[in-house]
């Protein structure tokens, strides 16, 4: 049983390849954690928005010029 074969004896190339793979997997795990965190934050904001009354969605914006308005009805002409 003292002969372990090539399973535990890795050359330098295999060690570097395994280290690179572990670093990429760790980075992917960090990216997945950030993605899940942002998703949870958006979901919490959505749940807080559900607690607001329905009339709050129909109120005008607090800034008078923060939304676009058409200056006239586009189906009418200038001269009548």
C-alpha atoms as a PDB file:
ATOM      1  CA  UNK A   1       0.000   0.000   0.000  1.00  0.00           C
ATOM      2  CA  UNK A   2       2.998   2.308   0.075  1.00  0.00           C
ATOM      3  CA  UNK A   3       2.817   2.697  -3.700  1.00  0.00           C
ATOM      4  CA  UNK A   4       0.294   5.503  -4.293  1.00  0.00           C
ATOM      5  CA  UNK A   5       0.910   5.707  -8.018  1.00  0.00           C
ATOM      6  CA  UNK A   6       0.470   8.994  -9.842  1.00  0.00           C
ATOM      7  CA  UNK A   7      -2.641  10.085  -7.945  1.00  0.00           C
ATOM      8  CA  UNK A   8      -0.837  12.007  -5.215  1.00  0.00           C
ATOM      9  CA  UNK A   9       2.392  12.709  -7.066  1.00  0.00           C
ATOM     10  CA  UNK A  10       1.672  15.711  -9.274  1.00  0.00           C
ATOM     11  CA  UNK A  11       4.195  17.465 -11.416  1.00  0.00           C
ATOM     12  CA  UNK A  12       4.557  21.247 -11.443  1.00  0.00           C
ATOM     13  CA  UNK A  13       2.232  21.704 -14.456  1.00  0.00           C
ATOM     14  CA  UNK A  14      -0.602  19.794 -12.798  1.00  0.00           C
ATOM     15  CA  UNK A  15      -0.159  21.775  -9.567  1.00  0.00           C
ATOM     16  CA  UNK A  16      -0.375  25.098 -11.414  1.00  0.00           C
ATOM     17  CA  UNK A  17      -3.393  23.913 -13.432  1.00  0.00           C
ATOM     18  CA  UNK A  18      -5.196  22.826 -10.247  1.00  0.00           C
ATOM     19  CA  UNK A  19      -4.358  26.113  -8.516  1.00  0.00           C
ATOM     20  CA  UNK A  20      -5.692  28.126 -11.478  1.00  0.00           C
ATOM     21  CA  UNK A  21      -8.887  26.052 -11.509  1.00  0.00           C
ATOM     22  CA  UNK A  22      -9.409  26.555  -7.777  1.00  0.00           C
ATOM     23  CA  UNK A  23      -8.887  30.328  -8.145  1.00  0.00           C
ATOM     24  CA  UNK A  24     -11.415  30.504 -10.996  1.00  0.00           C
ATOM     25  CA  UNK A  25     -13.950  28.498  -8.993  1.00  0.00           C
ATOM     26  CA  UNK A  26     -13.429  30.762  -5.982  1.00  0.00           C
ATOM     27  CA  UNK A  27     -13.949  33.854  -8.162  1.00  0.00           C
ATOM     28  CA  UNK A  28     -17.095  32.307  -9.616  1.00  0.00           C
ATOM     29  CA  UNK A  29     -18.335  31.663  -6.093  1.00  0.00           C
ATOM     30  CA  UNK A  30     -17.728  35.303  -5.158  1.00  0.00           C
ATOM     31  CA  UNK A  31     -19.588  36.448  -8.278  1.00  0.00           C
ATOM     32  CA  UNK A  32     -22.503  34.146  -7.453  1.00  0.00           C
ATOM     33  CA  UNK A  33     -22.624  35.502  -3.895  1.00  0.00           C
ATOM     34  CA  UNK A  34     -22.716  39.099  -5.168  1.00  0.00           C
ATOM     35  CA  UNK A  35     -25.435  38.221  -7.685  1.00  0.00           C
ATOM     36  CA  UNK A  36     -27.568  36.549  -5.023  1.00  0.00           C
ATOM     37  CA  UNK A  37     -26.994  39.494  -2.671  1.00  0.00           C
ATOM     38  CA  UNK A  38     -28.150  42.024  -5.275  1.00  0.00           C
ATOM     39  CA  UNK A  39     -31.154  39.846  -6.071  1.00  0.00           C
ATOM     40  CA  UNK A  40     -32.104  39.687  -2.397  1.00  0.00           C
ATOM     41  CA  UNK A  41     -31.736  43.460  -2.081  1.00  0.00           C
ATOM     42  CA  UNK A  42     -34.043  44.048  -5.058  1.00  0.00           C
ATOM     43  CA  UNK A  43     -36.529  41.534  -3.639  1.00  0.00           C
ATOM     44  CA  UNK A  44     -36.535  43.301  -0.233  1.00  0.00           C
ATOM     45  CA  UNK A  45     -37.149  46.669  -1.925  1.00  0.00           C
ATOM     46  CA  UNK A  46     -40.011  45.092  -3.881  1.00  0.00           C
ATOM     47  CA  UNK A  47     -41.536  43.700  -0.674  1.00  0.00           C
ATOM     48  CA  UNK A  48     -41.296  47.099   1.008  1.00  0.00           C
ATOM     49  CA  UNK A  49     -43.003  48.602  -2.052  1.00  0.00           C
ATOM     50  CA  UNK A  50     -45.887  46.156  -1.606  1.00  0.00           C
ATOM     51  CA  UNK A  51     -46.472  47.538   1.878  1.00  0.00           C
ATOM     52  CA  UNK A  52     -47.145  51.014   0.473  1.00  0.00           C
ATOM     53  CA  UNK A  53     -50.734  51.964  -0.341  1.00  0.00           C
ATOM     54  CA  UNK A  54     -51.862  51.661  -3.967  1.00  0.00           C
ATOM     55  CA  UNK A  55     -52.524  55.409  -4.185  1.00  0.00           C
ATOM     56  CA  UNK A  56     -48.819  56.141  -3.732  1.00  0.00           C
ATOM     57  CA  UNK A  57     -48.169  54.792  -7.225  1.00  0.00           C
ATOM     58  CA  UNK A  58     -50.575  57.289  -8.789  1.00  0.00           C
ATOM     59  CA  UNK A  59     -49.203  60.445  -7.210  1.00  0.00           C
ATOM     60  CA  UNK A  60     -47.219  62.909  -9.335  1.00  0.00           C
ATOM     61  CA  UNK A  61     -43.438  62.930  -8.982  1.00  0.00           C
ATOM     62  CA  UNK A  62     -41.928  65.265  -6.382  1.00  0.00           C
ATOM     63  CA  UNK A  63     -39.924  67.224  -8.983  1.00  0.00           C
ATOM     64  CA  UNK A  64     -42.099  69.155 -11.456  1.00  0.00           C
ATOM     65  CA  UNK A  65     -39.804  68.573 -14.442  1.00  0.00           C
ATOM     66  CA  UNK A  66     -38.641  65.027 -13.682  1.00  0.00           C
ATOM     67  CA  UNK A  67     -40.908  63.449 -16.274  1.00  0.00           C
ATOM     68  CA  UNK A  68     -41.531  64.189 -19.935  1.00  0.00           C
ATOM     69  CA  UNK A  69     -44.775  65.696 -21.135  1.00  0.00           C
ATOM     70  CA  UNK A  70     -45.971  66.094 -24.713  1.00  0.00           C
ATOM     71  CA  UNK A  71     -46.478  69.808 -25.472  1.00  0.00           C
ATOM     72  CA  UNK A  72     -49.585  69.077 -27.535  1.00  0.00           C
ATOM     73  CA  UNK A  73     -51.691  66.223 -28.726  1.00  0.00           C
ATOM     74  CA  UNK A  74     -49.710  64.606 -31.583  1.00  0.00           C
ATOM     75  CA  UNK A  75     -52.890  63.798 -33.546  1.00  0.00           C
ATOM     76  CA  UNK A  76     -53.875  67.463 -34.000  1.00  0.00           C
ATOM     77  CA  UNK A  77     -52.260  69.908 -36.409  1.00  0.00           C
ATOM     78  CA  UNK A  78     -50.956  73.368 -35.620  1.00  0.00           C
ATOM     79  CA  UNK A  79     -53.651  75.281 -37.579  1.00  0.00           C
ATOM     80  CA  UNK A  80     -56.769  73.493 -36.608  1.00  0.00           C
END
